[in-house]
N, C-alpha and C. Protein backbone atom coordinates (compact mmCIF):
# COMPACT_ATOMS: atom_id res chain seq x y z
N MET A 1 9.76 5.46 17.88
CA MET A 1 10.39 4.26 17.37
C MET A 1 9.45 3.08 17.57
N TYR A 2 9.47 2.21 16.59
CA TYR A 2 8.56 1.08 16.59
C TYR A 2 9.31 -0.23 16.70
N GLN A 3 8.66 -1.17 17.33
CA GLN A 3 9.15 -2.54 17.39
C GLN A 3 8.47 -3.33 16.27
N HIS A 4 9.02 -4.50 15.99
CA HIS A 4 8.45 -5.35 14.94
C HIS A 4 6.96 -5.63 15.20
N GLU A 5 6.60 -5.89 16.44
CA GLU A 5 5.20 -6.18 16.78
C GLU A 5 4.30 -4.98 16.48
N ASP A 6 4.81 -3.77 16.68
CA ASP A 6 4.03 -2.57 16.36
C ASP A 6 3.74 -2.49 14.87
N ARG A 7 4.74 -2.79 14.06
CA ARG A 7 4.54 -2.74 12.61
C ARG A 7 3.53 -3.80 12.16
N ILE A 8 3.59 -4.96 12.77
CA ILE A 8 2.62 -6.02 12.44
C ILE A 8 1.20 -5.55 12.77
N LYS A 9 1.02 -4.91 13.91
CA LYS A 9 -0.30 -4.42 14.30
C LYS A 9 -0.79 -3.34 13.34
N VAL A 10 0.07 -2.41 12.98
CA VAL A 10 -0.31 -1.34 12.04
C VAL A 10 -0.66 -1.95 10.68
N MET A 11 0.16 -2.87 10.21
CA MET A 11 -0.11 -3.50 8.92
C MET A 11 -1.44 -4.23 8.94
N SER A 12 -1.75 -4.88 10.04
CA SER A 12 -3.02 -5.59 10.17
C SER A 12 -4.19 -4.61 10.10
N GLU A 13 -4.07 -3.47 10.77
CA GLU A 13 -5.13 -2.46 10.72
C GLU A 13 -5.33 -1.93 9.30
N ILE A 14 -4.23 -1.70 8.61
CA ILE A 14 -4.32 -1.21 7.23
C ILE A 14 -4.97 -2.27 6.33
N GLU A 15 -4.56 -3.52 6.48
CA GLU A 15 -5.15 -4.61 5.70
C GLU A 15 -6.65 -4.69 5.94
N ASN A 16 -7.07 -4.65 7.20
CA ASN A 16 -8.49 -4.74 7.52
C ASN A 16 -9.27 -3.57 6.91
N PHE A 17 -8.72 -2.37 7.00
CA PHE A 17 -9.41 -1.21 6.43
C PHE A 17 -9.52 -1.34 4.90
N THR A 18 -8.44 -1.70 4.24
CA THR A 18 -8.47 -1.73 2.77
C THR A 18 -9.38 -2.83 2.23
N ARG A 19 -9.68 -3.84 3.03
CA ARG A 19 -10.63 -4.87 2.59
C ARG A 19 -12.02 -4.28 2.37
N SER A 20 -12.31 -3.17 3.02
CA SER A 20 -13.63 -2.55 2.89
C SER A 20 -13.74 -1.64 1.66
N ILE A 21 -12.67 -1.46 0.93
CA ILE A 21 -12.67 -0.56 -0.23
C ILE A 21 -12.78 -1.38 -1.51
N ASN A 22 -13.84 -1.15 -2.27
CA ASN A 22 -14.01 -1.84 -3.55
C ASN A 22 -12.94 -1.37 -4.52
N GLY A 23 -12.42 -2.31 -5.30
CA GLY A 23 -11.46 -1.97 -6.34
C GLY A 23 -10.01 -2.20 -5.96
N ILE A 24 -9.75 -2.55 -4.71
CA ILE A 24 -8.37 -2.86 -4.31
C ILE A 24 -8.14 -4.34 -4.52
N GLN A 25 -7.10 -4.65 -5.29
CA GLN A 25 -6.78 -6.05 -5.54
C GLN A 25 -5.77 -6.61 -4.57
N GLY A 26 -4.97 -5.74 -3.97
CA GLY A 26 -3.99 -6.23 -3.02
C GLY A 26 -3.07 -5.14 -2.52
N LEU A 27 -2.30 -5.49 -1.51
CA LEU A 27 -1.28 -4.62 -0.95
C LEU A 27 0.06 -5.33 -1.08
N LEU A 28 1.08 -4.56 -1.44
CA LEU A 28 2.43 -5.12 -1.52
C LEU A 28 3.31 -4.35 -0.55
N LEU A 29 3.99 -5.08 0.30
CA LEU A 29 4.98 -4.47 1.17
C LEU A 29 6.26 -4.34 0.37
N VAL A 30 6.76 -3.13 0.22
CA VAL A 30 7.97 -2.87 -0.55
C VAL A 30 8.98 -2.17 0.35
N GLY A 31 10.13 -1.87 -0.17
CA GLY A 31 11.14 -1.18 0.62
C GLY A 31 11.91 -2.14 1.50
N SER A 32 12.64 -1.58 2.44
CA SER A 32 13.54 -2.38 3.27
C SER A 32 12.80 -3.41 4.13
N GLY A 33 11.58 -3.08 4.54
CA GLY A 33 10.81 -4.02 5.36
C GLY A 33 10.47 -5.30 4.63
N SER A 34 10.35 -5.22 3.31
CA SER A 34 10.01 -6.42 2.54
C SER A 34 11.19 -7.35 2.34
N THR A 35 12.39 -6.83 2.55
CA THR A 35 13.58 -7.64 2.35
C THR A 35 14.18 -8.12 3.66
N GLY A 36 13.50 -7.82 4.77
CA GLY A 36 13.96 -8.31 6.05
C GLY A 36 14.73 -7.30 6.88
N PHE A 37 15.03 -6.13 6.31
CA PHE A 37 15.75 -5.13 7.09
C PHE A 37 14.74 -4.30 7.86
N ARG A 38 14.68 -4.52 9.15
CA ARG A 38 13.76 -3.78 10.00
C ARG A 38 14.48 -3.41 11.28
N ASP A 39 14.50 -2.13 11.59
CA ASP A 39 15.01 -1.69 12.88
C ASP A 39 14.00 -0.72 13.47
N GLN A 40 14.32 -0.09 14.57
CA GLN A 40 13.37 0.79 15.25
C GLN A 40 13.02 2.03 14.43
N TYR A 41 13.78 2.31 13.37
CA TYR A 41 13.51 3.48 12.53
C TYR A 41 12.81 3.13 11.23
N SER A 42 12.60 1.86 10.97
CA SER A 42 11.99 1.43 9.72
C SER A 42 10.54 1.86 9.64
N ASP A 43 10.11 2.12 8.43
CA ASP A 43 8.71 2.46 8.18
C ASP A 43 8.05 1.33 7.40
N LEU A 44 6.80 1.56 7.03
CA LEU A 44 6.08 0.62 6.19
C LEU A 44 5.87 1.28 4.83
N ASP A 45 6.44 0.70 3.81
CA ASP A 45 6.24 1.18 2.45
C ASP A 45 5.27 0.22 1.78
N LEU A 46 4.09 0.74 1.45
CA LEU A 46 3.06 -0.11 0.85
C LEU A 46 2.72 0.37 -0.55
N LEU A 47 2.50 -0.58 -1.42
CA LEU A 47 2.02 -0.30 -2.76
C LEU A 47 0.62 -0.90 -2.83
N VAL A 48 -0.34 -0.09 -3.22
CA VAL A 48 -1.73 -0.53 -3.31
C VAL A 48 -2.03 -0.88 -4.76
N VAL A 49 -2.48 -2.09 -5.00
CA VAL A 49 -2.82 -2.54 -6.35
C VAL A 49 -4.32 -2.37 -6.53
N VAL A 50 -4.68 -1.58 -7.56
CA VAL A 50 -6.09 -1.33 -7.81
C VAL A 50 -6.52 -1.99 -9.12
N GLU A 51 -7.80 -2.30 -9.19
CA GLU A 51 -8.34 -2.96 -10.36
C GLU A 51 -8.45 -2.01 -11.54
N ASN A 52 -8.88 -0.78 -11.28
CA ASN A 52 -9.14 0.18 -12.34
C ASN A 52 -8.34 1.46 -12.09
N PRO A 53 -7.45 1.85 -13.00
CA PRO A 53 -6.64 3.05 -12.79
C PRO A 53 -7.46 4.32 -12.56
N GLU A 54 -8.69 4.37 -13.06
CA GLU A 54 -9.52 5.55 -12.86
C GLU A 54 -9.92 5.75 -11.40
N ASN A 55 -9.80 4.69 -10.58
CA ASN A 55 -10.18 4.77 -9.17
C ASN A 55 -9.02 5.12 -8.24
N VAL A 56 -7.84 5.32 -8.80
CA VAL A 56 -6.64 5.54 -7.98
C VAL A 56 -6.80 6.74 -7.06
N VAL A 57 -7.27 7.86 -7.59
CA VAL A 57 -7.37 9.07 -6.79
C VAL A 57 -8.35 8.88 -5.63
N ASP A 58 -9.52 8.31 -5.91
CA ASP A 58 -10.51 8.08 -4.86
C ASP A 58 -9.99 7.11 -3.80
N ILE A 59 -9.39 6.02 -4.23
CA ILE A 59 -8.85 5.04 -3.28
C ILE A 59 -7.72 5.66 -2.46
N ASN A 60 -6.87 6.43 -3.11
CA ASN A 60 -5.78 7.10 -2.41
C ASN A 60 -6.33 8.02 -1.32
N GLU A 61 -7.38 8.77 -1.62
CA GLU A 61 -7.97 9.68 -0.63
C GLU A 61 -8.56 8.91 0.55
N GLN A 62 -9.21 7.79 0.27
CA GLN A 62 -9.79 6.98 1.35
C GLN A 62 -8.70 6.43 2.28
N ILE A 63 -7.66 5.90 1.68
CA ILE A 63 -6.57 5.34 2.48
C ILE A 63 -5.84 6.44 3.23
N ARG A 64 -5.56 7.55 2.56
CA ARG A 64 -4.87 8.66 3.22
C ARG A 64 -5.67 9.18 4.40
N GLY A 65 -6.99 9.33 4.24
CA GLY A 65 -7.84 9.78 5.34
C GLY A 65 -7.77 8.83 6.52
N PHE A 66 -7.83 7.53 6.24
CA PHE A 66 -7.73 6.54 7.31
C PHE A 66 -6.39 6.64 8.02
N LEU A 67 -5.31 6.67 7.25
CA LEU A 67 -3.97 6.72 7.84
C LEU A 67 -3.77 7.99 8.67
N GLN A 68 -4.21 9.12 8.16
CA GLN A 68 -4.04 10.38 8.89
C GLN A 68 -4.88 10.43 10.15
N SER A 69 -5.99 9.73 10.15
CA SER A 69 -6.84 9.72 11.35
C SER A 69 -6.30 8.78 12.44
N ARG A 70 -5.48 7.82 12.04
CA ARG A 70 -5.02 6.79 12.98
C ARG A 70 -3.54 6.87 13.35
N PHE A 71 -2.71 7.42 12.45
CA PHE A 71 -1.27 7.34 12.62
C PHE A 71 -0.59 8.66 12.26
N CYS A 72 0.64 8.78 12.67
CA CYS A 72 1.49 9.88 12.24
C CYS A 72 2.04 9.49 10.87
N VAL A 73 1.72 10.26 9.84
CA VAL A 73 2.01 9.86 8.48
C VAL A 73 2.95 10.84 7.79
N LEU A 74 4.00 10.30 7.21
CA LEU A 74 4.85 11.04 6.27
C LEU A 74 4.66 10.37 4.93
N LYS A 75 4.46 11.16 3.90
CA LYS A 75 4.26 10.53 2.61
C LYS A 75 4.92 11.33 1.51
N ARG A 76 5.27 10.63 0.47
CA ARG A 76 5.80 11.25 -0.73
C ARG A 76 4.79 10.96 -1.82
N LYS A 77 4.38 12.01 -2.50
CA LYS A 77 3.40 11.84 -3.57
C LYS A 77 4.13 11.76 -4.90
N TYR A 78 3.85 10.70 -5.62
CA TYR A 78 4.45 10.53 -6.93
C TYR A 78 3.60 11.24 -7.97
N THR A 79 4.23 11.97 -8.84
CA THR A 79 3.49 12.73 -9.84
C THR A 79 2.83 11.84 -10.86
N SER A 80 3.37 10.68 -11.09
CA SER A 80 2.79 9.78 -12.09
C SER A 80 2.13 8.58 -11.43
N MET A 81 1.42 8.82 -10.33
CA MET A 81 0.82 7.73 -9.55
C MET A 81 -0.11 6.87 -10.40
N LYS A 82 -0.95 7.49 -11.23
CA LYS A 82 -1.87 6.70 -12.05
C LYS A 82 -1.10 5.77 -12.98
N ARG A 83 -0.03 6.28 -13.53
CA ARG A 83 0.78 5.47 -14.45
C ARG A 83 1.43 4.30 -13.71
N ILE A 84 1.93 4.55 -12.52
CA ILE A 84 2.56 3.49 -11.73
C ILE A 84 1.55 2.37 -11.45
N PHE A 85 0.35 2.74 -11.01
CA PHE A 85 -0.67 1.74 -10.70
C PHE A 85 -1.09 0.98 -11.96
N SER A 86 -1.25 1.71 -13.05
CA SER A 86 -1.67 1.08 -14.29
C SER A 86 -0.63 0.07 -14.77
N LEU A 87 0.64 0.45 -14.71
CA LEU A 87 1.71 -0.46 -15.11
C LEU A 87 1.78 -1.68 -14.21
N LEU A 88 1.61 -1.46 -12.92
CA LEU A 88 1.68 -2.58 -11.98
C LEU A 88 0.55 -3.56 -12.21
N VAL A 89 -0.66 -3.06 -12.44
CA VAL A 89 -1.80 -3.94 -12.68
C VAL A 89 -1.56 -4.76 -13.94
N SER A 90 -1.08 -4.11 -15.00
CA SER A 90 -0.79 -4.84 -16.24
C SER A 90 0.28 -5.90 -16.01
N PHE A 91 1.31 -5.55 -15.27
CA PHE A 91 2.38 -6.47 -14.97
C PHE A 91 1.87 -7.68 -14.19
N LEU A 92 1.06 -7.42 -13.14
CA LEU A 92 0.55 -8.53 -12.33
C LEU A 92 -0.40 -9.41 -13.11
N LYS A 93 -1.22 -8.82 -13.97
CA LYS A 93 -2.13 -9.63 -14.80
C LYS A 93 -1.33 -10.55 -15.71
N THR A 94 -0.24 -10.04 -16.27
CA THR A 94 0.61 -10.85 -17.13
C THR A 94 1.21 -12.01 -16.34
N ILE A 95 1.74 -11.73 -15.18
CA ILE A 95 2.34 -12.77 -14.34
C ILE A 95 1.29 -13.81 -13.96
N LEU A 96 0.11 -13.36 -13.56
CA LEU A 96 -0.94 -14.29 -13.15
C LEU A 96 -1.41 -15.16 -14.32
N SER A 97 -1.35 -14.63 -15.53
CA SER A 97 -1.77 -15.44 -16.69
C SER A 97 -0.80 -16.58 -16.97
N TRP A 98 0.44 -16.46 -16.47
CA TRP A 98 1.44 -17.51 -16.67
C TRP A 98 1.25 -18.64 -15.69
N ILE A 99 0.55 -18.39 -14.60
CA ILE A 99 0.43 -19.40 -13.54
C ILE A 99 -0.66 -20.39 -13.88
């Protein structure tokens, strides 16, 4: 079980690691943690925004290797991961063009 401070530390480590990977545009905290619901059983649900959909598999492997080497990881693999990332990048570019 984790405390809020533990999640902050883990998130900071993940942020620092992903800064070293070319092609990552950002991380989004999603799920219950992003809406303020956090208890000792809460996890960190992260969405990684990539610049180029062709790099999704390589970036995923780099992040997965880091996470598995540092933490106890449970993950669900989405079958349409490339499509999800591609749609998200298009969506964010559209939003940013409005600003």
